[in-house]
Amino acid sequence: MTRRQFIGVLLVACVLLAVPVAAQTTIADTSSGRFVYTAINEALNDSKVNDPSAYRCGAPDSQRGLCKISGDILIGGRSDRRQEVTLMQFKQTEDGDNNLGSRGGEWWLGLARPYYGTSDDAMAEIVSCNTIAMACIFTVPVYAPNLSGSWPGSGHDTEVTGFYAYYQGRRLRFQPQADPASLGKIVIDDTFNDTKPWEAIGVIEPRMFGQRSLAMEIVMAPWTGMRAVGRAVWP
């Protein structure tokens, strides 16, 4: 290698070392962590201590909604013209008063429906989890392949059996029976809100009247104090 070639290689190496792997802007760098914005539209919040990084947003205690995170379309690439298509909200529950700690927590997810415009009416509630019901309430069908089924069109269109319902503060489980002797029956269990073992308190049973009439009769155990809801007959 000639002297001129060596100098050329050395200059190229110096230039490469001087160029950062990815341009970034450090917003804050402290002994506990750092916050960086990169040139590839990523925000990095790294912890330097044995405590994970956190994102916190809040509102006055008189507000039910405390924090929102949305995914928006920038119309024409402009930040002042945007359409909200996904929205997560973190709220206080509606029960209680304005005293600190008298309300529970609620998480809400909404997705925009197509062709509904850009108003609030376009946002459909998908699921809401709260500590009043101690449950997540879905307003759309839920398909769970890992439990007992799959999604429509997959070739395995079976659905999760059984469902829950609330009655006077009690969580009831409605479980269809699959064995041949009880096929068509739905057993009603009182879950006692999972404070003790479940107990069967009633059954929904198909019955034939004549040759063509079919009825679904609800029979509750007398000691439950719950009356039979009634009888639906098809004729």
C-alpha atoms as a PDB file:
ATOM      1  CA  MET A   1       0.000   0.000   0.000  1.00  0.00           C
ATOM      2  CA  THR A   2       1.394   3.353  -1.018  1.00  0.00           C
ATOM      3  CA  ARG A   3       1.473   6.353   1.279  1.00  0.00           C
ATOM      4  CA  ARG A   4      -1.311   8.028  -0.717  1.00  0.00           C
ATOM      5  CA  GLN A   5      -3.537   4.916  -0.470  1.00  0.00           C
ATOM      6  CA  PHE A   6      -2.929   4.668   3.286  1.00  0.00           C
ATOM      7  CA  ILE A   7      -3.910   8.308   3.786  1.00  0.00           C
ATOM      8  CA  GLY A   8      -7.083   7.762   1.711  1.00  0.00           C
ATOM      9  CA  VAL A   9      -8.128   4.732   3.790  1.00  0.00           C
ATOM     10  CA  LEU A  10      -7.424   6.649   6.992  1.00  0.00           C
ATOM     11  CA  LEU A  11      -9.615   9.577   5.879  1.00  0.00           C
ATOM     12  CA  VAL A  12     -12.508   7.246   4.967  1.00  0.00           C
ATOM     13  CA  ALA A  13     -12.271   5.534   8.371  1.00  0.00           C
ATOM     14  CA  CYS A  14     -12.322   8.885  10.168  1.00  0.00           C
ATOM     15  CA  VAL A  15     -15.422   9.960   8.246  1.00  0.00           C
ATOM     16  CA  LEU A  16     -17.249   6.702   9.044  1.00  0.00           C
ATOM     17  CA  LEU A  17     -16.413   6.979  12.724  1.00  0.00           C
ATOM     18  CA  ALA A  18     -17.698  10.551  12.794  1.00  0.00           C
ATOM     19  CA  VAL A  19     -21.128   9.614  11.347  1.00  0.00           C
ATOM     20  CA  PRO A  20     -23.591   8.403  14.054  1.00  0.00           C
ATOM     21  CA  VAL A  21     -25.456   5.141  13.456  1.00  0.00           C
ATOM     22  CA  ALA A  22     -28.774   6.988  13.683  1.00  0.00           C
ATOM     23  CA  ALA A  23     -29.260  10.679  14.336  1.00  0.00           C
ATOM     24  CA  GLN A  24     -31.033  11.266  17.619  1.00  0.00           C
ATOM     25  CA  THR A  25     -31.961  14.032  20.001  1.00  0.00           C
ATOM     26  CA  THR A  26     -31.546  13.557  23.735  1.00  0.00           C
ATOM     27  CA  ILE A  27     -34.442  15.215  25.562  1.00  0.00           C
ATOM     28  CA  ALA A  28     -33.247  14.326  29.055  1.00  0.00           C
ATOM     29  CA  ASP A  29     -30.386  12.287  30.480  1.00  0.00           C
ATOM     30  CA  THR A  30     -30.201  11.813  34.247  1.00  0.00           C
ATOM     31  CA  SER A  31     -28.711   9.334  36.669  1.00  0.00           C
ATOM     32  CA  SER A  32     -31.990   7.364  36.698  1.00  0.00           C
ATOM     33  CA  GLY A  33     -32.725   7.255  32.965  1.00  0.00           C
ATOM     34  CA  ARG A  34     -32.757   8.959  29.603  1.00  0.00           C
ATOM     35  CA  PHE A  35     -35.347  10.037  27.068  1.00  0.00           C
ATOM     36  CA  VAL A  36     -34.307  10.152  23.435  1.00  0.00           C
ATOM     37  CA  TYR A  37     -36.065  10.939  20.152  1.00  0.00           C
ATOM     38  CA  THR A  38     -34.546   9.189  17.144  1.00  0.00           C
ATOM     39  CA  ALA A  39     -34.532  10.033  13.452  1.00  0.00           C
ATOM     40  CA  ILE A  40     -36.727   6.989  12.706  1.00  0.00           C
ATOM     41  CA  ASN A  41     -39.740   8.322  14.629  1.00  0.00           C
ATOM     42  CA  GLU A  42     -39.113   6.428  17.844  1.00  0.00           C
ATOM     43  CA  ALA A  43     -39.094   7.735  21.394  1.00  0.00           C
ATOM     44  CA  LEU A  44     -36.833   5.835  23.755  1.00  0.00           C
ATOM     45  CA  ASN A  45     -37.406   5.976  27.493  1.00  0.00           C
ATOM     46  CA  ASP A  46     -34.688   3.862  29.102  1.00  0.00           C
ATOM     47  CA  SER A  47     -34.233   3.226  32.794  1.00  0.00           C
ATOM     48  CA  LYS A  48     -30.734   3.160  34.320  1.00  0.00           C
ATOM     49  CA  VAL A  49     -31.911   1.862  37.680  1.00  0.00           C
ATOM     50  CA  ASN A  50     -33.784  -1.165  38.991  1.00  0.00           C
ATOM     51  CA  ASP A  51     -37.176   0.434  38.300  1.00  0.00           C
ATOM     52  CA  PRO A  52     -39.041   0.401  34.942  1.00  0.00           C
ATOM     53  CA  SER A  53     -39.747   3.575  33.016  1.00  0.00           C
ATOM     54  CA  ALA A  54     -43.270   4.985  33.352  1.00  0.00           C
ATOM     55  CA  TYR A  55     -45.568   7.222  31.347  1.00  0.00           C
ATOM     56  CA  ARG A  56     -48.028   9.182  33.462  1.00  0.00           C
ATOM     57  CA  CYS A  57     -50.783  11.600  32.533  1.00  0.00           C
ATOM     58  CA  GLY A  58     -53.455  12.965  34.843  1.00  0.00           C
ATOM     59  CA  ALA A  59     -56.411  15.277  35.280  1.00  0.00           C
ATOM     60  CA  PRO A  60     -58.164  17.001  38.226  1.00  0.00           C
ATOM     61  CA  ASP A  61     -60.047  14.679  40.578  1.00  0.00           C
ATOM     62  CA  SER A  62     -63.354  16.151  39.376  1.00  0.00           C
ATOM     63  CA  GLN A  63     -62.749  14.644  35.937  1.00  0.00           C
ATOM     64  CA  ARG A  64     -63.909  11.111  35.147  1.00  0.00           C
ATOM     65  CA  GLY A  65     -61.530  10.755  32.211  1.00  0.00           C
ATOM     66  CA  LEU A  66     -57.903  10.955  33.334  1.00  0.00           C
ATOM     67  CA  CYS A  67     -55.808  10.018  30.322  1.00  0.00           C
ATOM     68  CA  LYS A  68     -56.227   9.319  26.601  1.00  0.00           C
ATOM     69  CA  ILE A  69     -53.976   7.760  23.993  1.00  0.00           C
ATOM     70  CA  SER A  70     -55.133   7.972  20.384  1.00  0.00           C
ATOM     71  CA  GLY A  71     -53.963   6.831  16.978  1.00  0.00           C
ATOM     72  CA  ASP A  72     -54.706   9.505  14.355  1.00  0.00           C
ATOM     73  CA  ILE A  73     -54.554   9.868  10.611  1.00  0.00           C
ATOM     74  CA  LEU A  74     -52.750  13.070   9.611  1.00  0.00           C
ATOM     75  CA  ILE A  75     -54.871  14.315   6.737  1.00  0.00           C
ATOM     76  CA  GLY A  76     -52.581  15.515   3.980  1.00  0.00           C
ATOM     77  CA  GLY A  77     -49.647  14.916   6.310  1.00  0.00           C
ATOM     78  CA  ARG A  78     -50.642  17.950   8.412  1.00  0.00           C
ATOM     79  CA  SER A  79     -50.584  17.731  12.201  1.00  0.00           C
ATOM     80  CA  ASP A  80     -53.382  20.324  12.484  1.00  0.00           C
ATOM     81  CA  ARG A  81     -55.776  18.104  10.473  1.00  0.00           C
ATOM     82  CA  ARG A  82     -56.235  14.677  11.997  1.00  0.00           C
ATOM     83  CA  GLN A  83     -58.811  11.906  12.232  1.00  0.00           C
ATOM     84  CA  GLU A  84     -58.964   9.729  15.331  1.00  0.00           C
ATOM     85  CA  VAL A  85     -59.298   6.018  14.495  1.00  0.00           C
ATOM     86  CA  THR A  86     -58.158   4.289  17.707  1.00  0.00           C
ATOM     87  CA  LEU A  87     -58.612   5.524  21.261  1.00  0.00           C
ATOM     88  CA  MET A  88     -57.689   4.195  24.697  1.00  0.00           C
ATOM     89  CA  GLN A  89     -59.033   5.972  27.767  1.00  0.00           C
ATOM     90  CA  PHE A  90     -58.113   5.580  31.421  1.00  0.00           C
ATOM     91  CA  LYS A  91     -60.904   6.752  33.724  1.00  0.00           C
ATOM     92  CA  GLN A  92     -62.383   6.808  37.188  1.00  0.00           C
ATOM     93  CA  THR A  93     -65.541   4.757  37.643  1.00  0.00           C
ATOM     94  CA  GLU A  94     -68.845   6.586  37.936  1.00  0.00           C
ATOM     95  CA  ASP A  95     -69.593   5.369  41.466  1.00  0.00           C
ATOM     96  CA  GLY A  96     -68.351   7.080  44.617  1.00  0.00           C
ATOM     97  CA  ASP A  97     -67.980  10.792  45.268  1.00  0.00           C
ATOM     98  CA  ASN A  98     -65.232  13.343  44.701  1.00  0.00           C
ATOM     99  CA  ASN A  99     -63.280  12.213  47.750  1.00  0.00           C
ATOM    100  CA  LEU A 100     -59.918  10.748  46.849  1.00  0.00           C
ATOM    101  CA  GLY A 101     -60.025   6.968  46.731  1.00  0.00           C
ATOM    102  CA  SER A 102     -63.825   6.662  46.580  1.00  0.00           C
ATOM    103  CA  ARG A 103     -63.832   5.616  42.931  1.00  0.00           C
ATOM    104  CA  GLY A 104     -62.367   2.635  41.136  1.00  0.00           C
ATOM    105  CA  GLY A 105     -60.523   2.351  37.860  1.00  0.00           C
ATOM    106  CA  GLU A 106     -61.765   1.868  34.305  1.00  0.00           C
ATOM    107  CA  TRP A 107     -60.015   1.116  31.014  1.00  0.00           C
ATOM    108  CA  TRP A 108     -61.823   1.764  27.730  1.00  0.00           C
ATOM    109  CA  LEU A 109     -60.959   0.909  24.119  1.00  0.00           C
ATOM    110  CA  GLY A 110     -62.714   2.396  21.096  1.00  0.00           C
ATOM    111  CA  LEU A 111     -62.203   1.918  17.344  1.00  0.00           C
ATOM    112  CA  ALA A 112     -63.565   4.048  14.525  1.00  0.00           C
ATOM    113  CA  ARG A 113     -66.147   2.427  12.269  1.00  0.00           C
ATOM    114  CA  PRO A 114     -65.692   2.913   8.515  1.00  0.00           C
ATOM    115  CA  TYR A 115     -68.013   5.278   6.666  1.00  0.00           C
ATOM    116  CA  TYR A 116     -69.341   6.824   9.901  1.00  0.00           C
ATOM    117  CA  GLY A 117     -67.626  10.161   9.365  1.00  0.00           C
ATOM    118  CA  THR A 118     -65.271  11.887  11.775  1.00  0.00           C
ATOM    119  CA  SER A 119     -67.603  12.733  14.670  1.00  0.00           C
ATOM    120  CA  ASP A 120     -67.638  11.026  18.071  1.00  0.00           C
ATOM    121  CA  ASP A 121     -70.451   8.791  16.770  1.00  0.00           C
ATOM    122  CA  ALA A 122     -67.907   7.023  14.548  1.00  0.00           C
ATOM    123  CA  MET A 123     -66.051   5.684  17.592  1.00  0.00           C
ATOM    124  CA  ALA A 124     -67.430   2.291  18.632  1.00  0.00           C
ATOM    125  CA  GLU A 125     -66.853   0.983  22.151  1.00  0.00           C
ATOM    126  CA  ILE A 126     -65.058  -2.365  21.909  1.00  0.00           C
ATOM    127  CA  VAL A 127     -64.332  -3.239  25.521  1.00  0.00           C
ATOM    128  CA  SER A 128     -64.566  -1.603  28.914  1.00  0.00           C
ATOM    129  CA  CYS A 129     -62.936  -3.029  32.050  1.00  0.00           C
ATOM    130  CA  ASN A 130     -63.906  -1.607  35.425  1.00  0.00           C
ATOM    131  CA  THR A 131     -63.874  -2.441  39.122  1.00  0.00           C
ATOM    132  CA  ILE A 132     -67.625  -1.948  39.582  1.00  0.00           C
ATOM    133  CA  ALA A 133     -68.442  -5.137  37.682  1.00  0.00           C
ATOM    134  CA  MET A 134     -64.952  -6.574  38.301  1.00  0.00           C
ATOM    135  CA  ALA A 135     -65.081  -7.651  34.671  1.00  0.00           C
ATOM    136  CA  CYS A 136     -64.226  -6.701  31.110  1.00  0.00           C
ATOM    137  CA  ILE A 137     -67.398  -6.044  29.116  1.00  0.00           C
ATOM    138  CA  PHE A 138     -67.063  -6.668  25.372  1.00  0.00           C
ATOM    139  CA  THR A 139     -69.533  -5.205  22.878  1.00  0.00           C
ATOM    140  CA  VAL A 140     -68.194  -7.316  20.008  1.00  0.00           C
ATOM    141  CA  PRO A 141     -67.959 -11.117  19.568  1.00  0.00           C
ATOM    142  CA  VAL A 142     -64.865 -12.647  21.139  1.00  0.00           C
ATOM    143  CA  TYR A 143     -63.108 -15.521  19.372  1.00  0.00           C
ATOM    144  CA  ALA A 144     -60.554 -17.437  21.427  1.00  0.00           C
ATOM    145  CA  PRO A 145     -58.818 -20.200  19.433  1.00  0.00           C
ATOM    146  CA  ASN A 146     -56.766 -21.229  22.465  1.00  0.00           C
ATOM    147  CA  LEU A 147     -59.909 -22.088  24.426  1.00  0.00           C
ATOM    148  CA  SER A 148     -62.283 -24.067  22.228  1.00  0.00           C
ATOM    149  CA  GLY A 149     -62.709 -22.526  18.831  1.00  0.00           C
ATOM    150  CA  SER A 150     -61.468 -20.205  16.139  1.00  0.00           C
ATOM    151  CA  TRP A 151     -62.602 -17.273  14.040  1.00  0.00           C
ATOM    152  CA  PRO A 152     -65.181 -17.315  11.195  1.00  0.00           C
ATOM    153  CA  GLY A 153     -63.873 -18.663   7.929  1.00  0.00           C
ATOM    154  CA  SER A 154     -60.876 -20.441   9.424  1.00  0.00           C
ATOM    155  CA  GLY A 155     -62.368 -23.892   8.929  1.00  0.00           C
ATOM    156  CA  HIS A 156     -62.701 -24.415  12.674  1.00  0.00           C
ATOM    157  CA  ASP A 157     -65.746 -22.305  13.439  1.00  0.00           C
ATOM    158  CA  THR A 158     -66.549 -23.465  16.945  1.00  0.00           C
ATOM    159  CA  GLU A 159     -67.315 -20.990  19.706  1.00  0.00           C
ATOM    160  CA  VAL A 160     -66.416 -20.812  23.359  1.00  0.00           C
ATOM    161  CA  THR A 161     -69.229 -22.508  25.284  1.00  0.00           C
ATOM    162  CA  GLY A 162     -71.003 -20.905  28.196  1.00  0.00           C
ATOM    163  CA  PHE A 163     -71.416 -17.310  29.226  1.00  0.00           C
ATOM    164  CA  TYR A 164     -71.862 -15.160  32.327  1.00  0.00           C
ATOM    165  CA  ALA A 165     -74.687 -12.845  33.334  1.00  0.00           C
ATOM    166  CA  TYR A 166     -75.312 -10.642  36.367  1.00  0.00           C
ATOM    167  CA  TYR A 167     -78.500 -10.827  38.419  1.00  0.00           C
ATOM    168  CA  GLN A 168     -78.960  -8.674  41.533  1.00  0.00           C
ATOM    169  CA  GLY A 169     -75.231  -8.474  42.087  1.00  0.00           C
ATOM    170  CA  ARG A 170     -74.712 -12.202  41.581  1.00  0.00           C
ATOM    171  CA  ARG A 171     -72.591 -13.526  38.732  1.00  0.00           C
ATOM    172  CA  LEU A 172     -74.281 -16.515  37.105  1.00  0.00           C
ATOM    173  CA  ARG A 173     -72.705 -18.973  34.676  1.00  0.00           C
ATOM    174  CA  PHE A 174     -74.852 -20.466  31.892  1.00  0.00           C
ATOM    175  CA  GLN A 175     -73.242 -23.691  30.686  1.00  0.00           C
ATOM    176  CA  PRO A 176     -74.649 -25.712  27.737  1.00  0.00           C
ATOM    177  CA  GLN A 177     -74.509 -29.478  28.249  1.00  0.00           C
ATOM    178  CA  ALA A 178     -72.885 -31.591  25.555  1.00  0.00           C
ATOM    179  CA  ASP A 179     -73.418 -35.153  26.790  1.00  0.00           C
ATOM    180  CA  PRO A 180     -76.122 -37.088  24.848  1.00  0.00           C
ATOM    181  CA  ALA A 181     -78.426 -37.502  27.860  1.00  0.00           C
ATOM    182  CA  SER A 182     -78.549 -33.737  28.540  1.00  0.00           C
ATOM    183  CA  LEU A 183     -77.989 -32.331  25.057  1.00  0.00           C
ATOM    184  CA  GLY A 184     -79.765 -28.990  24.679  1.00  0.00           C
ATOM    185  CA  LYS A 185     -79.964 -28.217  28.396  1.00  0.00           C
ATOM    186  CA  ILE A 186     -78.246 -25.169  29.884  1.00  0.00           C
ATOM    187  CA  VAL A 187     -77.263 -25.442  33.548  1.00  0.00           C
ATOM    188  CA  ILE A 188     -77.262 -22.235  35.602  1.00  0.00           C
ATOM    189  CA  ASP A 189     -74.532 -22.055  38.231  1.00  0.00           C
ATOM    190  CA  ASP A 190     -74.172 -19.461  40.969  1.00  0.00           C
ATOM    191  CA  THR A 191     -70.472 -18.558  41.006  1.00  0.00           C
ATOM    192  CA  PHE A 192     -70.776 -16.756  44.356  1.00  0.00           C
ATOM    193  CA  ASN A 193     -68.486 -14.204  42.699  1.00  0.00           C
ATOM    194  CA  ASP A 194     -65.708 -16.800  43.015  1.00  0.00           C
ATOM    195  CA  THR A 195     -65.702 -16.646  46.829  1.00  0.00           C
ATOM    196  CA  LYS A 196     -66.563 -20.357  47.167  1.00  0.00           C
ATOM    197  CA  PRO A 197     -67.266 -23.376  44.895  1.00  0.00           C
ATOM    198  CA  TRP A 198     -69.959 -22.939  42.247  1.00  0.00           C
ATOM    199  CA  GLU A 199     -73.374 -24.469  42.780  1.00  0.00           C
ATOM    200  CA  ALA A 200     -76.061 -25.416  40.257  1.00  0.00           C
ATOM    201  CA  ILE A 201     -79.236 -23.438  40.949  1.00  0.00           C
ATOM    202  CA  GLY A 202     -81.322 -23.992  37.822  1.00  0.00           C
ATOM    203  CA  VAL A 203     -81.622 -25.358  34.337  1.00  0.00           C
ATOM    204  CA  ILE A 204     -82.961 -24.166  31.006  1.00  0.00           C
ATOM    205  CA  GLU A 205     -84.470 -27.195  29.325  1.00  0.00           C
ATOM    206  CA  PRO A 206     -86.064 -27.714  25.897  1.00  0.00           C
ATOM    207  CA  ARG A 207     -89.477 -29.386  25.981  1.00  0.00           C
ATOM    208  CA  MET A 208     -91.834 -30.583  23.259  1.00  0.00           C
ATOM    209  CA  PHE A 209     -95.551 -29.767  23.354  1.00  0.00           C
ATOM    210  CA  GLY A 210     -97.502 -31.858  20.904  1.00  0.00           C
ATOM    211  CA  GLN A 211     -95.721 -32.699  17.694  1.00  0.00           C
ATOM    212  CA  ARG A 212     -94.603 -29.255  16.559  1.00  0.00           C
ATOM    213  CA  SER A 213     -94.368 -26.883  19.525  1.00  0.00           C
ATOM    214  CA  LEU A 214     -90.985 -26.405  21.214  1.00  0.00           C
ATOM    215  CA  ALA A 215     -90.518 -24.607  24.516  1.00  0.00           C
ATOM    216  CA  MET A 216     -87.501 -23.506  26.511  1.00  0.00           C
ATOM    217  CA  GLU A 217     -88.467 -23.717  30.172  1.00  0.00           C
ATOM    218  CA  ILE A 218     -86.420 -22.154  32.978  1.00  0.00           C
ATOM    219  CA  VAL A 219     -86.598 -23.997  36.292  1.00  0.00           C
ATOM    220  CA  MET A 220     -84.852 -22.627  39.395  1.00  0.00           C
ATOM    221  CA  ALA A 221     -84.159 -24.485  42.647  1.00  0.00           C
ATOM    222  CA  PRO A 222     -86.811 -23.473  45.230  1.00  0.00           C
ATOM    223  CA  TRP A 223     -84.279 -22.673  47.948  1.00  0.00           C
ATOM    224  CA  THR A 224     -82.628 -19.979  45.819  1.00  0.00           C
ATOM    225  CA  GLY A 225     -85.590 -17.631  46.209  1.00  0.00           C
ATOM    226  CA  MET A 226     -85.360 -16.939  42.470  1.00  0.00           C
ATOM    227  CA  ARG A 227     -88.531 -17.497  40.486  1.00  0.00           C
ATOM    228  CA  ALA A 228     -88.603 -19.096  37.069  1.00  0.00           C
ATOM    229  CA  VAL A 229     -88.277 -16.424  34.412  1.00  0.00           C
ATOM    230  CA  GLY A 230     -90.939 -18.031  32.267  1.00  0.00           C
ATOM    231  CA  ARG A 231     -91.481 -20.125  29.191  1.00  0.00           C
ATOM    232  CA  ALA A 232     -90.910 -19.350  25.551  1.00  0.00           C
ATOM    233  CA  VAL A 233     -92.905 -21.454  23.096  1.00  0.00           C
ATOM    234  CA  TRP A 234     -92.448 -21.805  19.339  1.00  0.00           C
ATOM    235  CA  PRO A 235     -95.310 -22.784  17.539  1.00  0.00           C
END
